[in-house]
Amino acid sequence: MVKLKDICDSVSITYNFSNVKEVVFLNTGDILEGKILVSSYSDVSFLPGQAKKSIQNGDILYSEIRPQNKRFCLVDVPNSQDYVVSTKLMVLRFKGKDFLPKFIYQYITQDNVVDTLQQLAESRSGTFPQITFSELGDIEIPNYSLDDQQHIVDSRRMMA
């Protein structure tokens, strides 16, 4: 087993808005169970203040608020450099090549993992049930070979 924080970082790279007129903005409500629900461009002058983070294909977006709402996805879009995401979305980026992003995504979005994260979120004081990368990063991931990970991804079965 290996902890998620040992194979992924939570990155917060500020999007470079210079010389850009339009972007696709993703807030927590714009992703759901692996799907990006928005692909239309918005004028950067009308973006909310939380539109800050840049992303790239292969990143995992995971909402900090209410894990049970299943606001997460694995980024795989044309022109990912045109996307900017809310500060309320964790951007998980892999440190190496020992894990398949799809395997990790499937693992950390299983119901039992989401339920555990929801319980952690509800145990914290605050306005919303919220998690941090500290909690998500402590999730233990099976350290399977790349071939085994691919087999699991292909069969869409997970083992926690």
Protein backbone atom coordinates (compact mmCIF):
# COMPACT_ATOMS: atom_id res chain seq x y z
CA MET A 1 0.00 0.00 0.00
CA VAL A 2 1.09 3.56 -0.66
CA LYS A 3 -0.50 6.82 0.44
CA LEU A 4 -2.00 9.04 -2.24
CA LYS A 5 0.20 11.95 -1.10
CA ASP A 6 3.28 9.88 -1.96
CA ILE A 7 2.24 9.53 -5.60
CA CYS A 8 0.27 12.75 -6.21
CA ASP A 9 0.61 16.41 -5.34
CA SER A 10 -2.21 18.84 -4.86
CA VAL A 11 -1.12 21.57 -7.23
CA SER A 12 -2.32 25.13 -7.31
CA ILE A 13 -0.70 26.71 -10.34
CA THR A 14 -2.31 30.06 -11.06
CA TYR A 15 -3.71 30.35 -14.56
CA ASN A 16 -1.89 32.93 -16.70
CA PHE A 17 -4.66 35.23 -17.96
CA SER A 18 -2.33 37.59 -19.87
CA ASN A 19 -3.26 37.77 -23.56
CA VAL A 20 -6.29 35.49 -22.98
CA LYS A 21 -9.82 36.71 -23.69
CA GLU A 22 -11.84 33.54 -23.07
CA VAL A 23 -11.46 30.34 -21.06
CA VAL A 24 -13.59 27.41 -19.99
CA PHE A 25 -14.25 27.85 -16.26
CA LEU A 26 -15.04 24.83 -14.10
CA ASN A 27 -16.56 25.27 -10.68
CA THR A 28 -17.48 22.40 -8.35
CA GLY A 29 -20.95 22.17 -9.89
CA ASP A 30 -19.49 21.77 -13.38
CA ILE A 31 -18.11 18.28 -12.82
CA LEU A 32 -19.98 15.18 -11.72
CA GLU A 33 -18.95 11.53 -11.41
CA GLY A 34 -16.23 11.72 -14.03
CA LYS A 35 -17.98 14.05 -16.44
CA ILE A 36 -17.15 17.65 -17.23
CA LEU A 37 -20.54 19.30 -17.73
CA VAL A 38 -19.31 22.59 -19.23
CA SER A 39 -17.30 23.16 -22.38
CA SER A 40 -18.36 26.67 -23.37
CA TYR A 41 -15.93 29.56 -23.22
CA SER A 42 -16.49 32.58 -20.99
CA ASP A 43 -15.07 36.07 -21.19
CA VAL A 44 -12.28 36.31 -18.58
CA SER A 45 -13.53 39.73 -17.44
CA PHE A 46 -16.70 38.06 -16.07
CA LEU A 47 -15.07 35.20 -14.17
CA PRO A 48 -15.60 34.88 -10.40
CA GLY A 49 -12.69 35.45 -8.04
CA GLN A 50 -12.21 31.73 -7.37
CA ALA A 51 -11.32 31.10 -11.07
CA LYS A 52 -7.61 30.65 -10.50
CA LYS A 53 -6.09 27.20 -11.12
CA SER A 54 -4.71 25.82 -14.37
CA ILE A 55 -5.05 22.13 -15.24
CA GLN A 56 -3.70 19.61 -17.71
CA ASN A 57 -4.83 16.27 -19.06
CA GLY A 58 -4.19 13.47 -16.59
CA ASP A 59 -5.00 15.64 -13.55
CA ILE A 60 -7.74 14.54 -11.19
CA LEU A 61 -10.18 17.23 -10.04
CA TYR A 62 -11.71 16.51 -6.64
CA SER A 63 -14.07 18.86 -4.83
CA GLU A 64 -13.09 19.90 -1.33
CA ILE A 65 -16.77 20.32 -0.40
CA ARG A 66 -19.16 17.43 0.37
CA PRO A 67 -17.38 14.40 -1.13
CA GLN A 68 -20.72 12.53 -1.23
CA ASN A 69 -21.85 14.89 -4.02
CA LYS A 70 -19.30 13.13 -6.27
CA ARG A 71 -17.86 16.28 -7.82
CA PHE A 72 -14.74 14.73 -9.30
CA CYS A 73 -13.27 13.84 -12.70
CA LEU A 74 -10.14 12.75 -14.52
CA VAL A 75 -9.19 15.52 -16.96
CA ASP A 76 -9.12 14.36 -20.56
CA VAL A 77 -10.25 17.21 -22.81
CA PRO A 78 -9.02 18.86 -25.98
CA ASN A 79 -7.28 22.16 -25.20
CA SER A 80 -6.91 21.58 -21.46
CA GLN A 81 -4.70 24.69 -21.42
CA ASP A 82 -7.90 26.71 -22.05
CA TYR A 83 -9.47 25.51 -18.79
CA VAL A 84 -9.33 27.28 -15.44
CA VAL A 85 -10.81 25.76 -12.30
CA SER A 86 -12.15 26.95 -8.99
CA THR A 87 -10.03 27.13 -5.88
CA LYS A 88 -12.60 24.75 -4.33
CA LEU A 89 -11.37 21.95 -6.60
CA MET A 90 -8.23 20.07 -5.66
CA VAL A 91 -6.01 19.48 -8.68
CA LEU A 92 -4.18 16.19 -8.15
CA ARG A 93 -1.12 15.71 -10.34
CA PHE A 94 1.01 12.59 -10.49
CA LYS A 95 4.65 12.69 -9.41
CA GLY A 96 5.83 9.70 -11.45
CA LYS A 97 4.90 6.98 -13.88
CA ASP A 98 4.29 4.09 -11.44
CA PHE A 99 0.53 4.59 -11.34
CA LEU A 100 -2.13 4.96 -13.99
CA PRO A 101 -4.24 8.10 -13.45
CA LYS A 102 -7.38 6.14 -14.38
CA PHE A 103 -6.60 3.50 -11.75
CA ILE A 104 -6.08 6.11 -9.02
CA TYR A 105 -9.20 7.98 -10.13
CA GLN A 106 -11.31 4.83 -9.99
CA TYR A 107 -9.86 3.92 -6.60
CA ILE A 108 -10.43 7.27 -4.86
CA THR A 109 -13.95 7.63 -6.26
CA GLN A 110 -15.21 4.27 -4.97
CA ASP A 111 -18.22 4.56 -2.69
CA ASN A 112 -16.37 3.27 0.39
CA VAL A 113 -13.57 5.85 -0.08
CA VAL A 114 -16.04 8.67 -0.72
CA ASP A 115 -18.04 7.63 2.37
CA THR A 116 -14.88 7.72 4.50
CA LEU A 117 -14.00 11.18 3.18
CA GLN A 118 -17.57 12.39 3.78
CA GLN A 119 -17.36 11.24 7.42
CA LEU A 120 -14.08 13.13 7.80
CA ALA A 121 -15.63 16.22 6.21
CA GLU A 122 -18.61 16.12 8.57
CA SER A 123 -16.36 15.77 11.60
CA ARG A 124 -14.69 19.11 10.88
CA SER A 125 -16.14 22.37 12.09
CA GLY A 126 -17.03 24.90 9.45
CA THR A 127 -19.78 26.12 7.18
CA PHE A 128 -19.62 23.17 4.77
CA PRO A 129 -18.53 19.55 5.18
CA GLN A 130 -15.08 19.94 3.65
CA ILE A 131 -11.92 17.88 3.16
CA THR A 132 -8.36 18.93 2.57
CA PHE A 133 -5.55 17.27 0.66
CA SER A 134 -4.19 16.12 4.03
CA GLU A 135 -7.20 13.83 4.45
CA LEU A 136 -7.38 12.75 0.81
CA GLY A 137 -3.61 12.28 0.72
CA ASP A 138 -3.77 9.78 3.59
CA ILE A 139 -5.94 7.38 1.55
CA GLU A 140 -3.97 4.18 1.02
CA ILE A 141 -3.72 2.89 -2.54
CA PRO A 142 -2.78 -0.70 -3.46
CA ASN A 143 0.69 -0.73 -5.01
CA TYR A 144 -0.10 -2.98 -7.98
CA SER A 145 2.05 -3.37 -11.09
CA LEU A 146 1.11 -1.24 -14.09
CA ASP A 147 -0.19 -4.36 -15.84
CA ASP A 148 -2.43 -5.21 -12.89
CA GLN A 149 -3.64 -1.61 -12.69
CA GLN A 150 -4.52 -1.69 -16.39
CA HIS A 151 -6.37 -4.98 -15.93
CA ILE A 152 -8.39 -3.50 -13.05
CA VAL A 153 -9.15 -0.35 -15.05
CA ASP A 154 -10.23 -2.45 -18.03
CA SER A 155 -12.46 -4.63 -15.89
CA ARG A 156 -13.71 -1.59 -13.92
CA ARG A 157 -13.51 -3.44 -10.65
CA MET A 158 -11.84 -2.07 -7.59
CA MET A 159 -10.65 -3.63 -4.39
CA ALA A 160 -10.39 -1.52 -1.28
